[in-house]
Each structure stands twice: as C-alpha cells, then as structure tokens.
Protein backbone atom coordinates (compact mmCIF):
# COMPACT_ATOMS: atom_id res chain seq x y z
CA MET A 1 -5.65 -18.47 15.67
CA LYS A 2 -3.83 -17.29 12.56
CA LYS A 3 -2.57 -13.80 11.89
CA PRO A 4 -4.45 -12.20 8.99
CA GLU A 5 -2.76 -10.63 6.03
CA LEU A 6 -2.34 -6.86 6.33
CA LEU A 7 -2.96 -5.39 2.88
CA VAL A 8 -2.05 -1.77 2.10
CA THR A 9 -2.15 0.49 -0.96
CA PRO A 10 1.09 2.44 -1.61
CA THR A 11 1.07 5.64 -3.63
CA LYS A 12 4.43 4.99 -5.34
CA VAL A 13 7.26 2.47 -5.54
CA ASP A 14 9.33 4.27 -2.92
CA ASP A 15 6.56 3.68 -0.33
CA ILE A 16 6.66 -0.08 -0.53
CA SER A 17 9.63 -0.98 1.66
CA ARG A 18 8.48 1.50 4.33
CA LEU A 19 5.02 -0.03 4.49
CA ILE A 20 6.24 -3.62 4.57
CA ASN A 21 8.72 -2.78 7.31
CA SER A 22 5.78 -1.28 9.23
CA GLY A 23 3.90 -4.58 9.12
CA ALA A 24 2.22 -4.85 5.73
CA THR A 25 2.30 -8.37 4.31
CA ALA A 26 0.73 -7.53 0.93
CA ILE A 27 0.32 -4.48 -1.31
CA LEU A 28 -2.32 -3.57 -3.87
CA ILE A 29 -1.23 -1.54 -6.89
CA GLY A 30 -2.22 -1.03 -10.52
CA GLU A 31 -2.85 1.18 -13.52
CA GLU A 32 -5.78 3.56 -13.85
CA LYS A 33 -6.60 1.95 -17.19
CA TYR A 34 -7.53 -1.30 -15.45
CA GLY A 35 -8.17 -0.52 -11.78
CA LEU A 36 -10.56 1.69 -9.82
CA ARG A 37 -9.60 4.34 -7.26
CA LEU A 38 -5.97 3.46 -6.85
CA ALA A 39 -3.80 5.18 -4.25
CA GLY A 40 -1.18 5.75 -6.95
CA GLU A 41 -0.47 5.03 -10.61
CA PHE A 42 1.91 2.12 -11.24
CA ASN A 43 3.02 1.54 -14.83
CA ARG A 44 4.56 -1.73 -15.99
CA ASP A 45 8.08 -0.84 -14.94
CA ASP A 46 6.73 0.21 -11.54
CA ILE A 47 4.86 -3.07 -11.15
CA LYS A 48 7.95 -5.07 -12.03
CA GLU A 49 10.04 -3.12 -9.51
CA SER A 50 7.30 -3.39 -6.87
CA VAL A 51 7.24 -7.18 -7.19
CA LYS A 52 11.02 -7.29 -6.81
CA ILE A 53 10.97 -5.15 -3.66
CA ALA A 54 7.96 -6.80 -2.04
CA HIS A 55 9.03 -10.37 -2.71
CA GLY A 56 12.50 -9.54 -1.43
CA LEU A 57 10.89 -8.49 1.86
CA GLY A 58 8.56 -11.47 2.02
CA ALA A 59 5.35 -9.67 1.01
CA LYS A 60 2.83 -10.31 -1.77
CA VAL A 61 1.78 -8.06 -4.66
CA TYR A 62 -1.77 -7.85 -5.98
CA VAL A 63 -2.73 -5.84 -9.06
CA SER A 64 -6.12 -4.20 -9.42
CA MET A 65 -8.13 -4.99 -12.55
CA ASN A 66 -11.53 -4.21 -11.02
CA ALA A 67 -12.70 -1.63 -13.56
CA LEU A 68 -15.87 -2.24 -15.57
CA PHE A 69 -14.59 -3.05 -19.03
CA HIS A 70 -16.26 -2.01 -22.26
CA ASN A 71 -15.63 -3.73 -25.58
CA ASP A 72 -12.82 -1.37 -26.56
CA LYS A 73 -10.59 -2.64 -23.74
CA LEU A 74 -11.21 -6.37 -24.00
CA GLU A 75 -8.44 -6.95 -26.52
CA PHE A 76 -5.84 -5.59 -24.08
CA LEU A 77 -6.75 -7.83 -21.12
CA PRO A 78 -4.99 -11.11 -22.10
CA GLU A 79 -1.69 -9.40 -22.88
CA TYR A 80 -1.77 -7.39 -19.65
CA ILE A 81 -2.57 -10.47 -17.58
CA SER A 82 0.23 -12.35 -19.33
CA PHE A 83 2.62 -9.55 -18.37
CA LEU A 84 1.49 -9.72 -14.72
CA SER A 85 2.06 -13.47 -14.72
CA ASP A 86 5.52 -13.08 -16.25
CA VAL A 87 6.63 -10.66 -13.51
CA ASN A 88 5.25 -13.00 -10.80
CA VAL A 89 2.37 -10.91 -9.45
CA ASP A 90 0.68 -12.95 -6.71
CA ALA A 91 -2.95 -12.25 -7.62
CA ILE A 92 -5.26 -10.07 -9.69
CA VAL A 93 -8.21 -8.27 -8.12
CA PHE A 94 -11.20 -8.32 -10.50
CA GLY A 95 -14.89 -7.50 -10.63
CA ASP A 96 -15.74 -8.03 -14.28
CA PRO A 97 -16.11 -11.66 -15.52
CA ALA A 98 -14.17 -10.57 -18.61
CA VAL A 99 -11.02 -10.78 -16.48
CA ILE A 100 -11.71 -14.42 -15.63
CA MET A 101 -12.19 -15.24 -19.30
CA ALA A 102 -8.99 -13.44 -20.25
CA ALA A 103 -7.03 -15.07 -17.42
CA ARG A 104 -8.10 -18.54 -18.52
CA GLU A 105 -6.60 -17.76 -21.89
CA ALA A 106 -3.45 -15.91 -20.85
CA ALA A 107 -2.47 -17.22 -17.39
CA PRO A 108 -4.74 -19.99 -16.06
CA GLU A 109 -2.55 -20.39 -12.97
CA MET A 110 -3.01 -16.76 -11.88
CA LYS A 111 -4.86 -16.34 -8.55
CA LEU A 112 -7.95 -14.16 -8.72
CA HIS A 113 -9.58 -12.09 -5.96
CA TRP A 114 -13.21 -11.12 -6.59
CA ASN A 115 -14.02 -7.51 -5.72
CA THR A 116 -17.05 -5.71 -7.12
CA GLU A 117 -17.06 -3.11 -4.28
CA THR A 118 -20.78 -3.50 -3.50
CA THR A 119 -22.22 -6.93 -4.36
CA ALA A 120 -20.11 -9.19 -2.12
CA THR A 121 -22.78 -9.33 0.57
CA ASN A 122 -23.27 -13.05 1.23
CA TYR A 123 -21.41 -16.36 1.30
CA PHE A 124 -23.44 -17.94 -1.53
CA THR A 125 -22.23 -15.28 -3.94
CA ALA A 126 -18.66 -15.55 -2.64
CA ASN A 127 -18.74 -19.30 -3.15
CA TYR A 128 -20.25 -18.90 -6.62
CA TRP A 129 -17.25 -16.85 -7.72
CA GLY A 130 -15.01 -19.35 -5.96
CA GLN A 131 -16.44 -22.05 -8.22
CA LYS A 132 -15.65 -19.82 -11.21
CA GLY A 133 -12.01 -19.57 -10.18
CA ALA A 134 -11.69 -16.87 -7.54
CA LYS A 135 -9.56 -17.66 -4.48
CA ARG A 136 -10.79 -14.71 -2.42
CA ALA A 137 -13.87 -12.51 -2.01
CA VAL A 138 -13.53 -8.88 -0.95
CA MET A 139 -16.54 -8.05 1.18
CA ALA A 140 -18.73 -5.01 0.47
CA ARG A 141 -18.15 -2.03 2.76
CA GLU A 142 -21.87 -1.76 3.51
CA ILE A 143 -22.36 -4.99 5.49
CA ASN A 144 -22.15 -5.33 9.25
CA MET A 145 -19.95 -7.38 11.54
CA ASP A 146 -22.43 -10.23 12.00
CA SER A 147 -22.69 -10.67 8.23
CA ILE A 148 -18.91 -10.66 7.86
CA VAL A 149 -18.47 -13.31 10.55
CA GLU A 150 -21.24 -15.52 9.14
CA THR A 151 -19.82 -15.21 5.64
CA LYS A 152 -16.36 -16.22 6.83
CA GLU A 153 -17.78 -19.23 8.67
CA LYS A 154 -19.52 -20.51 5.52
CA ALA A 155 -17.26 -19.27 2.75
CA GLU A 156 -15.18 -21.68 0.68
CA VAL A 157 -12.80 -18.88 -0.34
CA GLU A 158 -10.61 -16.42 1.52
CA ILE A 159 -12.36 -13.33 2.89
CA GLU A 160 -10.94 -9.80 2.78
CA VAL A 161 -12.36 -6.85 4.72
CA GLN A 162 -11.43 -3.16 4.60
CA VAL A 163 -10.70 -2.02 8.14
CA HIS A 164 -9.38 1.48 7.52
CA GLY A 165 -9.70 4.37 5.08
CA MET A 166 -12.28 6.10 2.93
CA THR A 167 -14.85 4.38 0.75
CA CYS A 168 -16.51 5.23 -2.54
CA MET A 169 -20.09 6.48 -2.25
CA PHE A 170 -20.77 7.13 -5.94
CA GLN A 171 -19.23 6.47 -9.33
CA SER A 172 -20.34 7.49 -12.80
CA LYS A 173 -18.65 6.79 -16.11
CA ARG A 174 -19.59 10.35 -17.04
CA THR A 175 -17.11 13.19 -16.46
CA LEU A 176 -19.38 15.17 -14.19
CA ILE A 177 -16.75 17.63 -12.97
CA GLY A 178 -15.52 18.34 -16.46
CA ASN A 179 -19.07 18.80 -17.73
CA TYR A 180 -19.82 21.21 -14.90
CA MET A 181 -16.63 23.19 -15.48
CA GLU A 182 -17.40 23.39 -19.18
CA PHE A 183 -20.91 24.64 -18.38
CA GLN A 184 -19.34 27.32 -16.18
CA GLY A 185 -17.04 28.34 -19.01
CA LYS A 186 -13.95 27.05 -17.20
CA ASP A 187 -11.20 24.82 -18.58
CA LEU A 188 -10.46 21.57 -16.73
CA LYS A 189 -7.82 19.78 -18.76
CA VAL A 190 -8.47 16.07 -19.13
CA GLU A 191 -4.86 15.15 -18.48
CA GLY A 192 -4.97 16.86 -15.08
CA ARG A 193 -8.07 15.24 -13.70
CA SER A 194 -6.54 12.09 -12.25
CA LYS A 195 -3.83 14.10 -10.50
CA ASP A 196 -6.12 16.75 -8.98
CA ARG A 197 -7.53 15.17 -5.84
CA THR A 198 -8.21 18.46 -4.02
CA LEU A 199 -11.85 18.97 -5.05
CA PHE A 200 -14.73 18.50 -2.59
CA LEU A 201 -18.49 18.49 -2.50
CA HIS A 202 -19.43 20.52 0.57
CA ASP A 203 -22.59 19.81 2.56
CA PRO A 204 -22.88 22.76 4.97
CA GLU A 205 -25.93 21.28 6.71
CA ARG A 206 -23.91 18.27 7.88
CA ASP A 207 -20.58 20.10 7.80
CA ALA A 208 -19.25 17.30 5.58
CA LYS A 209 -16.76 17.42 2.73
CA TYR A 210 -16.87 14.64 0.15
CA PRO A 211 -13.65 14.23 -1.89
CA ILE A 212 -14.45 14.08 -5.60
CA PHE A 213 -12.19 13.38 -8.56
CA GLU A 214 -12.21 12.18 -12.14
CA ASP A 215 -9.99 9.71 -13.93
CA GLU A 216 -10.19 7.44 -16.95
CA ASN A 217 -12.96 5.46 -15.24
CA GLY A 218 -15.23 8.45 -14.65
CA THR A 219 -16.25 10.47 -11.60
CA HIS A 220 -15.76 9.24 -8.03
CA ILE A 221 -17.31 10.71 -4.88
CA MET A 222 -15.76 9.45 -1.65
CA SER A 223 -16.99 9.23 1.94
CA PRO A 224 -16.51 12.26 4.25
CA ASN A 225 -15.15 10.08 7.06
CA ASP A 226 -12.58 7.30 7.32
CA ILE A 227 -13.43 3.84 8.55
CA CYS A 228 -11.36 2.86 11.57
CA ILE A 229 -11.95 -0.46 13.27
CA ILE A 230 -8.65 -0.83 15.15
CA ASP A 231 -10.50 -1.00 18.49
CA GLU A 232 -13.05 -3.58 17.28
CA LEU A 233 -10.94 -6.32 15.70
CA GLU A 234 -11.85 -9.15 18.04
CA ASP A 235 -14.77 -10.75 16.20
CA MET A 236 -13.01 -10.80 12.83
CA LEU A 237 -9.80 -12.16 14.32
CA ASP A 238 -11.74 -14.89 16.15
CA ALA A 239 -13.60 -15.72 12.93
CA GLY A 240 -10.34 -16.05 11.00
CA VAL A 241 -10.87 -13.31 8.40
CA ASP A 242 -7.98 -13.80 6.00
CA SER A 243 -7.04 -10.24 5.04
CA PHE A 244 -7.43 -6.77 6.55
CA LYS A 245 -7.13 -3.91 4.10
CA ILE A 246 -5.90 -0.39 4.85
CA ASP A 247 -6.83 1.88 1.95
CA GLY A 248 -4.41 4.70 1.26
CA VAL A 249 -6.42 6.69 -1.28
CA LEU A 250 -5.77 10.43 -0.74
CA LYS A 251 -3.42 9.75 2.15
CA SER A 252 0.31 10.44 2.61
CA VAL A 253 2.83 7.65 3.00
CA ASP A 254 3.64 8.93 6.51
CA TYR A 255 0.01 8.50 7.50
CA ILE A 256 -0.33 5.01 6.00
CA GLU A 257 2.98 3.91 7.51
CA LYS A 258 1.86 4.93 11.01
CA VAL A 259 -1.61 3.40 10.63
CA THR A 260 -0.13 0.14 9.31
CA SER A 261 2.25 -0.04 12.25
CA LEU A 262 -0.57 0.50 14.76
CA TYR A 263 -2.84 -2.12 13.19
CA ASN A 264 0.01 -4.61 13.04
CA GLU A 265 0.80 -4.03 16.72
CA ALA A 266 -2.88 -4.29 17.70
CA ILE A 267 -3.38 -7.55 15.79
CA GLU A 268 -0.26 -9.14 17.24
CA LEU A 269 -1.22 -8.07 20.75
CA TYR A 270 -4.67 -9.61 20.47
CA LEU A 271 -3.27 -12.87 19.14
CA GLN A 272 -0.79 -13.01 22.04
CA ASP A 273 -3.03 -11.71 24.83
CA PRO A 274 -6.66 -10.75 24.19
CA ASP A 275 -7.01 -9.13 27.60
CA ALA A 276 -4.00 -6.91 26.97
CA TYR A 277 -5.56 -5.82 23.67
CA GLN A 278 -8.77 -4.90 25.49
CA ASP A 279 -6.76 -2.71 27.84
CA LYS A 280 -4.83 -0.98 25.05
CA LYS A 281 -7.20 -0.80 22.09
CA PHE A 282 -8.40 2.72 22.83
CA PHE A 283 -4.79 3.86 22.92
CA TYR A 284 -4.43 2.69 19.31
CA LEU A 285 -7.56 4.61 18.35
CA GLU A 286 -6.27 7.76 20.04
CA GLU A 287 -2.94 7.47 18.21
CA ILE A 288 -4.72 7.36 14.86
CA GLU A 289 -6.95 10.29 15.84
CA LYS A 290 -3.81 12.34 16.43
CA ILE A 291 -2.72 12.00 12.80
CA GLN A 292 -6.13 12.25 11.13
CA PRO A 293 -6.35 14.93 8.42
CA ILE A 294 -8.47 17.95 9.25
CA ASN A 295 -12.15 17.49 8.33
CA ARG A 296 -11.84 13.71 8.14
CA ASN A 297 -13.34 12.14 11.23
CA LEU A 298 -13.14 8.47 12.07
CA ASP A 299 -16.15 6.18 12.27
CA THR A 300 -16.93 2.45 12.12
CA GLY A 301 -18.72 2.55 8.76
CA PHE A 302 -21.45 -0.10 8.56
CA PHE A 303 -19.76 -2.56 10.92
CA PHE A 304 -22.37 -1.96 13.63
CA LYS A 305 -25.29 -0.68 11.54
CA GLU A 306 -28.12 -2.38 9.76
CA THR A 307 -27.17 -2.83 6.11
CA VAL A 308 -29.28 -0.50 3.99
CA TYR A 309 -29.10 0.02 0.21
C-alpha cells in the first residue's frame, strides 16, 4: 500500500517550508488571473521562489490555471505556461481545454491535472481527459466514497480527492457584492475585493454563515462548514487514491500546519498498523475540532451521502 501525496495550499511563500516540514509533499499555488479561489496570491517571483524552496525540501509545486478563460486572456496562456515550464513547476491544474491547447504549443512536456470542480464525477470522463493529455483527475466534491473508490479502481489517470477544508457552493462571473453595494449607495473599491475575505451571507434559520468574496474571476460563495475526513481515510487508502488535498482558503498558516501534521500522522499510522489507526482516529478528529474557527463546524461533505445536483 503506497502513501498518497499530501497536497496543501499555502497563503504565501513564507508558509511553504513550514507546511512541507509538517508532512506536505506537494503545494498548490497560483495567480488570481489564472486560478480560482486560491489560498494566496503568488506572482511570478513568488512562484519561482516557491519552486526553489519546495524542490529543495523534496516536495512538488503545482500551479492553478483552472479559471474559465474568455477570448481576451487566450493570448497570455502560452507565455505563462512557458514561464512555468522554465521555472520547473511540476504540473498545471486546469479545467478549460484552452490550457491543453496552449500547453501543446508552449510546453508539451508539462504535466496537466484536470480539475473542473464539479464535472469529475466518473471514471469515463477522467479517462477521456487522460487521453487528451491529463495525468490526473481531481474528483468533484459532491460525489460519495463508493464513487471515489470505483473511479480509482477503473481510472487510467491519478486521482486526487479533497479531504479537508471549505468548498465552493456558487460562482458567478458577475460582481454581485459590488453591484449590491453600488445599489445601496456604498463604495466597494475593486482593488480591495480580493483581499477582503470577511464578508458572509447569514442564514439565521440554519444558523449558517457562508463566506463570500469577489476577485477577478467574479463572486464566490463558500460552504458554511469544513470537510474533515481524517477519521474515515481507510477506504481511500485501501483503494490507492493518489493525492489527498487540504484546502487552506480563508485559513491561517498555523491552522493548516497543524491539520497537515495530523493528517500526515494519521495516514502513516494506518499504513503501518490499521488497527492502531482505528483506535486513534477519533483523537485526530478531536484535535482538529480544538482549532476550528468559530462558526465553522466540521462535517464529511458528500462522502457518505447520495450525490444530488
């Protein structure tokens, strides 16, 4: 049984060594211009420095290019991909076929990970994108454990699953917050939107707060709870899922560092002694509950629910 990759999303360059030393074996970074819902903004100098740090510590670096691209951005894709290849990024995460076309032109050797957030729901589709050049499929957050295991068994590409963190419930290219503020006669400066992540939609009936923010890619509404599957890793480890992702959007580096360390310990314990993991897995869950932000409960997402769209 192999140990899966532990993929995390740092908020800045200074986080990287801390997270890798806590057990992360890969990091996901990028620029808002090309990637959706990043934990932090990494410009080209940051990406270059991140690769240097991560590779020096034996970890991989993936760059997010999973935005939906309109015609005005297509001309920039080949040059950006060429830059990522030149600085030795290990893979690009994409959703739009335009990235594949640009990569064939600019860096045909670049590894590609397919991630559309919602449509990776079966192994046929994963294998289709594998035939187009993808080396990995990132599974949708809305499918259950049985579907994940079956997909891994029949997939011809690597499979990545998010095991911790918040998920996106809604995205619109429209600037809904800005439009609302303008309607109210208030001034929400465009340049401040991507940095203001303190806004919430409040549902008093369910006592739920949904983080909401705007950036260059539009408006994003996030889940009120965080996925946490640290006490239910057995089936995915037995199936050989290739990568477990811990998403750090709207989280501090201290939080992500601790969560990464706990997942790394839990995975290693199960691989060494499954019975010992069974005895200790609720301890790991309790340790994460201790550091959870107020008003952000933990749940298991759709892992044990019927998939409904």
